[in-house]
């Protein structure tokens, strides 16, 4: 049976950068094809990758036994047993039992959120708190919380192939 993974993203924080990524990629195609400016197209492809990493890849993922926070292709994972509590103190804040914390770029603080009370943060906090309460009890471990940090190179390779593959094909094909 596959492990159930809940992925949390703020809708506006996803769609605005993804729209920028699509527009940058479309302009990259124009520069690579009819305009024949490969350097500019490759730079716009890089901008599309940046927007994708900022909006779509930056997320909070949780399972029954752990929670992960991804920032720009770097994922920090911690077991629920190392989590003290989850709160929305201006930003989504996952407090660890050793005093450290995990925060999310996607669920960061904002001026609009200050005035509206962060409704998207409240929903994410509620879901994470429910998962934290339902997590299996783990033995009390002394010392620092175990944070597994890794670079998501496979997702980066997939994104590079998705963005630059079609651009290079357009560049290689004579028009």
C-alpha atoms as a PDB file:
ATOM      1  CA  UNK A   1       0.000   0.000   0.000  1.00  0.00           C
ATOM      2  CA  UNK A   2       1.389   3.411  -0.996  1.00  0.00           C
ATOM      3  CA  UNK A   3       2.090   5.990   1.656  1.00  0.00           C
ATOM      4  CA  UNK A   4      -0.458   8.847   1.722  1.00  0.00           C
ATOM      5  CA  UNK A   5       1.303  12.206   1.188  1.00  0.00           C
ATOM      6  CA  UNK A   6      -0.513  15.488   1.770  1.00  0.00           C
ATOM      7  CA  UNK A   7       1.018  18.369  -0.185  1.00  0.00           C
ATOM      8  CA  UNK A   8       0.215  21.876   1.019  1.00  0.00           C
ATOM      9  CA  UNK A   9       0.688  24.950  -1.188  1.00  0.00           C
ATOM     10  CA  UNK A  10      -0.823  28.435  -1.095  1.00  0.00           C
ATOM     11  CA  UNK A  11      -2.910  28.866  -4.249  1.00  0.00           C
ATOM     12  CA  UNK A  12      -1.840  32.448  -5.035  1.00  0.00           C
ATOM     13  CA  UNK A  13       1.759  31.585  -4.272  1.00  0.00           C
ATOM     14  CA  UNK A  14       1.527  28.771  -6.820  1.00  0.00           C
ATOM     15  CA  UNK A  15      -0.447  30.349  -9.639  1.00  0.00           C
ATOM     16  CA  UNK A  16       1.304  33.711  -9.819  1.00  0.00           C
ATOM     17  CA  UNK A  17       4.831  32.239 -10.160  1.00  0.00           C
ATOM     18  CA  UNK A  18       3.582  29.481 -12.482  1.00  0.00           C
ATOM     19  CA  UNK A  19       1.972  32.094 -14.708  1.00  0.00           C
ATOM     20  CA  UNK A  20       5.326  33.882 -14.765  1.00  0.00           C
ATOM     21  CA  UNK A  21       7.044  30.600 -15.622  1.00  0.00           C
ATOM     22  CA  UNK A  22       4.667  29.925 -18.516  1.00  0.00           C
ATOM     23  CA  UNK A  23       5.042  33.463 -19.881  1.00  0.00           C
ATOM     24  CA  UNK A  24       8.844  33.301 -19.579  1.00  0.00           C
ATOM     25  CA  UNK A  25       8.864  29.924 -21.324  1.00  0.00           C
ATOM     26  CA  UNK A  26       6.599  31.214 -24.120  1.00  0.00           C
ATOM     27  CA  UNK A  27       8.883  34.199 -24.704  1.00  0.00           C
ATOM     28  CA  UNK A  28      11.877  31.848 -24.635  1.00  0.00           C
ATOM     29  CA  UNK A  29      10.284  29.905 -27.516  1.00  0.00           C
ATOM     30  CA  UNK A  30       9.862  33.139 -29.474  1.00  0.00           C
ATOM     31  CA  UNK A  31      13.483  34.095 -28.854  1.00  0.00           C
ATOM     32  CA  UNK A  32      14.760  30.608 -29.693  1.00  0.00           C
ATOM     33  CA  UNK A  33      12.675  30.202 -32.855  1.00  0.00           C
ATOM     34  CA  UNK A  34      11.704  33.194 -35.007  1.00  0.00           C
ATOM     35  CA  UNK A  35      13.984  35.763 -33.351  1.00  0.00           C
ATOM     36  CA  UNK A  36      16.968  33.352 -33.163  1.00  0.00           C
ATOM     37  CA  UNK A  37      18.399  34.664 -29.898  1.00  0.00           C
ATOM     38  CA  UNK A  38      19.419  31.491 -28.022  1.00  0.00           C
ATOM     39  CA  UNK A  39      21.232  33.247 -25.141  1.00  0.00           C
ATOM     40  CA  UNK A  40      18.141  35.269 -24.246  1.00  0.00           C
ATOM     41  CA  UNK A  41      15.946  32.206 -24.608  1.00  0.00           C
ATOM     42  CA  UNK A  42      18.160  30.192 -22.268  1.00  0.00           C
ATOM     43  CA  UNK A  43      18.081  33.009 -19.703  1.00  0.00           C
ATOM     44  CA  UNK A  44      14.283  33.156 -19.897  1.00  0.00           C
ATOM     45  CA  UNK A  45      14.257  29.374 -19.473  1.00  0.00           C
ATOM     46  CA  UNK A  46      16.251  29.873 -16.283  1.00  0.00           C
ATOM     47  CA  UNK A  47      13.690  32.443 -15.127  1.00  0.00           C
ATOM     48  CA  UNK A  48      10.928  29.922 -15.822  1.00  0.00           C
ATOM     49  CA  UNK A  49      12.807  27.361 -13.694  1.00  0.00           C
ATOM     50  CA  UNK A  50      13.178  29.896 -10.875  1.00  0.00           C
ATOM     51  CA  UNK A  51       9.449  30.679 -10.904  1.00  0.00           C
ATOM     52  CA  UNK A  52       8.620  26.951 -10.933  1.00  0.00           C
ATOM     53  CA  UNK A  53      10.920  26.293  -7.959  1.00  0.00           C
ATOM     54  CA  UNK A  54       9.501  29.277  -6.091  1.00  0.00           C
ATOM     55  CA  UNK A  55       5.834  28.558  -6.704  1.00  0.00           C
ATOM     56  CA  UNK A  56       5.239  24.892  -7.353  1.00  0.00           C
ATOM     57  CA  UNK A  57       8.173  23.073  -5.812  1.00  0.00           C
ATOM     58  CA  UNK A  58       8.192  25.085  -2.564  1.00  0.00           C
ATOM     59  CA  UNK A  59       5.655  23.144  -0.518  1.00  0.00           C
ATOM     60  CA  UNK A  60       4.981  21.425   2.770  1.00  0.00           C
ATOM     61  CA  UNK A  61       4.481  17.668   2.535  1.00  0.00           C
ATOM     62  CA  UNK A  62       3.297  15.466   5.369  1.00  0.00           C
ATOM     63  CA  UNK A  63       2.748  11.774   5.909  1.00  0.00           C
ATOM     64  CA  UNK A  64       1.590   9.824   8.938  1.00  0.00           C
ATOM     65  CA  UNK A  65       5.112   9.752  10.390  1.00  0.00           C
ATOM     66  CA  UNK A  66       6.980  12.821   9.067  1.00  0.00           C
ATOM     67  CA  UNK A  67       6.719  16.352   7.700  1.00  0.00           C
ATOM     68  CA  UNK A  68       8.873  17.920   4.966  1.00  0.00           C
ATOM     69  CA  UNK A  69       9.407  21.522   3.931  1.00  0.00           C
ATOM     70  CA  UNK A  70      10.860  22.269   0.481  1.00  0.00           C
ATOM     71  CA  UNK A  71      12.565  25.564  -0.420  1.00  0.00           C
ATOM     72  CA  UNK A  72      14.084  25.931  -3.864  1.00  0.00           C
ATOM     73  CA  UNK A  73      14.782  22.206  -4.341  1.00  0.00           C
ATOM     74  CA  UNK A  74      16.155  21.679  -0.811  1.00  0.00           C
ATOM     75  CA  UNK A  75      13.913  19.510   1.363  1.00  0.00           C
ATOM     76  CA  UNK A  76      14.144  19.319   5.145  1.00  0.00           C
ATOM     77  CA  UNK A  77      12.323  16.328   6.659  1.00  0.00           C
ATOM     78  CA  UNK A  78      11.670  15.652  10.318  1.00  0.00           C
ATOM     79  CA  UNK A  79       9.734  12.913  12.109  1.00  0.00           C
ATOM     80  CA  UNK A  80       6.518  13.964  13.814  1.00  0.00           C
ATOM     81  CA  UNK A  81       8.053  12.746  17.079  1.00  0.00           C
ATOM     82  CA  UNK A  82      10.583  15.601  16.849  1.00  0.00           C
ATOM     83  CA  UNK A  83       7.841  18.215  16.317  1.00  0.00           C
ATOM     84  CA  UNK A  84       6.674  20.129  19.364  1.00  0.00           C
ATOM     85  CA  UNK A  85       3.828  22.022  17.692  1.00  0.00           C
ATOM     86  CA  UNK A  86       2.671  23.707  14.482  1.00  0.00           C
ATOM     87  CA  UNK A  87       1.558  27.339  14.483  1.00  0.00           C
ATOM     88  CA  UNK A  88       0.980  30.333  12.234  1.00  0.00           C
ATOM     89  CA  UNK A  89       3.029  33.136  13.773  1.00  0.00           C
ATOM     90  CA  UNK A  90       3.054  35.367  10.710  1.00  0.00           C
ATOM     91  CA  UNK A  91       4.400  32.384   8.815  1.00  0.00           C
ATOM     92  CA  UNK A  92       3.822  28.665   9.012  1.00  0.00           C
ATOM     93  CA  UNK A  93       6.044  27.653  11.906  1.00  0.00           C
ATOM     94  CA  UNK A  94       6.904  24.040  12.766  1.00  0.00           C
ATOM     95  CA  UNK A  95       8.565  24.154  16.189  1.00  0.00           C
ATOM     96  CA  UNK A  96      10.904  21.264  16.977  1.00  0.00           C
ATOM     97  CA  UNK A  97      11.428  19.849  20.457  1.00  0.00           C
ATOM     98  CA  UNK A  98      15.044  21.069  20.576  1.00  0.00           C
ATOM     99  CA  UNK A  99      14.126  24.734  19.999  1.00  0.00           C
ATOM    100  CA  UNK A 100      14.826  24.865  16.268  1.00  0.00           C
ATOM    101  CA  UNK A 101      12.073  25.359  13.735  1.00  0.00           C
ATOM    102  CA  UNK A 102      11.128  24.756  10.132  1.00  0.00           C
ATOM    103  CA  UNK A 103       9.389  27.486   8.153  1.00  0.00           C
ATOM    104  CA  UNK A 104       8.080  27.574   4.629  1.00  0.00           C
ATOM    105  CA  UNK A 105       8.782  30.072   1.850  1.00  0.00           C
ATOM    106  CA  UNK A 106       5.351  29.307   0.418  1.00  0.00           C
ATOM    107  CA  UNK A 107       3.659  29.993   3.739  1.00  0.00           C
ATOM    108  CA  UNK A 108       5.749  33.023   4.680  1.00  0.00           C
ATOM    109  CA  UNK A 109       4.532  36.261   6.185  1.00  0.00           C
ATOM    110  CA  UNK A 110       2.964  39.024   4.128  1.00  0.00           C
ATOM    111  CA  UNK A 111       1.357  42.413   4.604  1.00  0.00           C
ATOM    112  CA  UNK A 112      -1.960  41.178   3.159  1.00  0.00           C
ATOM    113  CA  UNK A 113      -1.871  38.163   5.472  1.00  0.00           C
ATOM    114  CA  UNK A 114      -1.325  40.425   8.459  1.00  0.00           C
ATOM    115  CA  UNK A 115      -4.603  42.213   7.679  1.00  0.00           C
ATOM    116  CA  UNK A 116      -6.615  39.135   6.660  1.00  0.00           C
ATOM    117  CA  UNK A 117      -5.421  36.811   9.426  1.00  0.00           C
ATOM    118  CA  UNK A 118      -3.658  34.353   7.088  1.00  0.00           C
ATOM    119  CA  UNK A 119      -6.646  32.165   6.107  1.00  0.00           C
ATOM    120  CA  UNK A 120      -4.488  29.869   3.936  1.00  0.00           C
ATOM    121  CA  UNK A 121      -2.037  29.442   6.803  1.00  0.00           C
ATOM    122  CA  UNK A 122      -4.817  28.524   9.229  1.00  0.00           C
ATOM    123  CA  UNK A 123      -6.020  25.702   6.961  1.00  0.00           C
ATOM    124  CA  UNK A 124      -2.469  24.354   6.564  1.00  0.00           C
ATOM    125  CA  UNK A 125      -1.856  24.578  10.330  1.00  0.00           C
ATOM    126  CA  UNK A 126      -5.128  22.750  10.995  1.00  0.00           C
ATOM    127  CA  UNK A 127      -4.221  19.903   8.600  1.00  0.00           C
ATOM    128  CA  UNK A 128      -0.690  19.603   9.973  1.00  0.00           C
ATOM    129  CA  UNK A 129      -1.887  19.664  13.588  1.00  0.00           C
ATOM    130  CA  UNK A 130      -4.394  16.885  12.846  1.00  0.00           C
ATOM    131  CA  UNK A 131      -1.665  14.787  11.241  1.00  0.00           C
ATOM    132  CA  UNK A 132       0.693  15.533  14.151  1.00  0.00           C
ATOM    133  CA  UNK A 133      -1.907  14.441  16.726  1.00  0.00           C
ATOM    134  CA  UNK A 134      -2.612  11.246  14.764  1.00  0.00           C
ATOM    135  CA  UNK A 135       1.085  10.410  14.332  1.00  0.00           C
ATOM    136  CA  UNK A 136       2.234   7.249  16.089  1.00  0.00           C
ATOM    137  CA  UNK A 137       3.919   7.882  19.416  1.00  0.00           C
ATOM    138  CA  UNK A 138       7.669   7.631  19.254  1.00  0.00           C
ATOM    139  CA  UNK A 139      10.030   7.018  22.106  1.00  0.00           C
ATOM    140  CA  UNK A 140      11.403  10.151  23.705  1.00  0.00           C
ATOM    141  CA  UNK A 141      14.818  10.767  22.249  1.00  0.00           C
ATOM    142  CA  UNK A 142      17.242  13.132  23.932  1.00  0.00           C
ATOM    143  CA  UNK A 143      19.386  15.531  21.980  1.00  0.00           C
ATOM    144  CA  UNK A 144      18.733  17.491  18.841  1.00  0.00           C
ATOM    145  CA  UNK A 145      15.889  16.707  16.473  1.00  0.00           C
ATOM    146  CA  UNK A 146      16.988  14.680  13.464  1.00  0.00           C
ATOM    147  CA  UNK A 147      16.487  16.824  10.360  1.00  0.00           C
ATOM    148  CA  UNK A 148      17.185  15.083   7.054  1.00  0.00           C
ATOM    149  CA  UNK A 149      18.141  17.759   4.512  1.00  0.00           C
ATOM    150  CA  UNK A 150      18.619  16.825   0.883  1.00  0.00           C
ATOM    151  CA  UNK A 151      18.906  18.484  -2.509  1.00  0.00           C
ATOM    152  CA  UNK A 152      16.132  17.379  -4.864  1.00  0.00           C
ATOM    153  CA  UNK A 153      18.335  16.748  -7.903  1.00  0.00           C
ATOM    154  CA  UNK A 154      15.849  14.412  -9.602  1.00  0.00           C
ATOM    155  CA  UNK A 155      13.141  17.088  -9.616  1.00  0.00           C
ATOM    156  CA  UNK A 156      15.698  19.589 -10.893  1.00  0.00           C
ATOM    157  CA  UNK A 157      16.724  17.268 -13.737  1.00  0.00           C
ATOM    158  CA  UNK A 158      13.063  16.756 -14.639  1.00  0.00           C
ATOM    159  CA  UNK A 159      12.449  20.497 -14.639  1.00  0.00           C
ATOM    160  CA  UNK A 160      15.582  21.152 -16.707  1.00  0.00           C
ATOM    161  CA  UNK A 161      14.511  18.553 -19.268  1.00  0.00           C
ATOM    162  CA  UNK A 162      10.980  19.975 -19.392  1.00  0.00           C
ATOM    163  CA  UNK A 163      12.138  23.565 -19.894  1.00  0.00           C
ATOM    164  CA  UNK A 164      15.306  23.229 -21.949  1.00  0.00           C
ATOM    165  CA  UNK A 165      14.508  20.083 -23.954  1.00  0.00           C
ATOM    166  CA  UNK A 166      11.820  21.693 -26.125  1.00  0.00           C
ATOM    167  CA  UNK A 167      13.857  24.910 -26.442  1.00  0.00           C
ATOM    168  CA  UNK A 168      16.869  23.014 -27.729  1.00  0.00           C
ATOM    169  CA  UNK A 169      14.696  21.034 -30.146  1.00  0.00           C
ATOM    170  CA  UNK A 170      13.245  24.290 -31.542  1.00  0.00           C
ATOM    171  CA  UNK A 171      16.778  25.701 -31.830  1.00  0.00           C
ATOM    172  CA  UNK A 172      18.057  22.580 -33.616  1.00  0.00           C
ATOM    173  CA  UNK A 173      15.195  22.396 -36.111  1.00  0.00           C
ATOM    174  CA  UNK A 174      15.513  24.664 -39.135  1.00  0.00           C
ATOM    175  CA  UNK A 175      12.524  26.953 -39.612  1.00  0.00           C
END
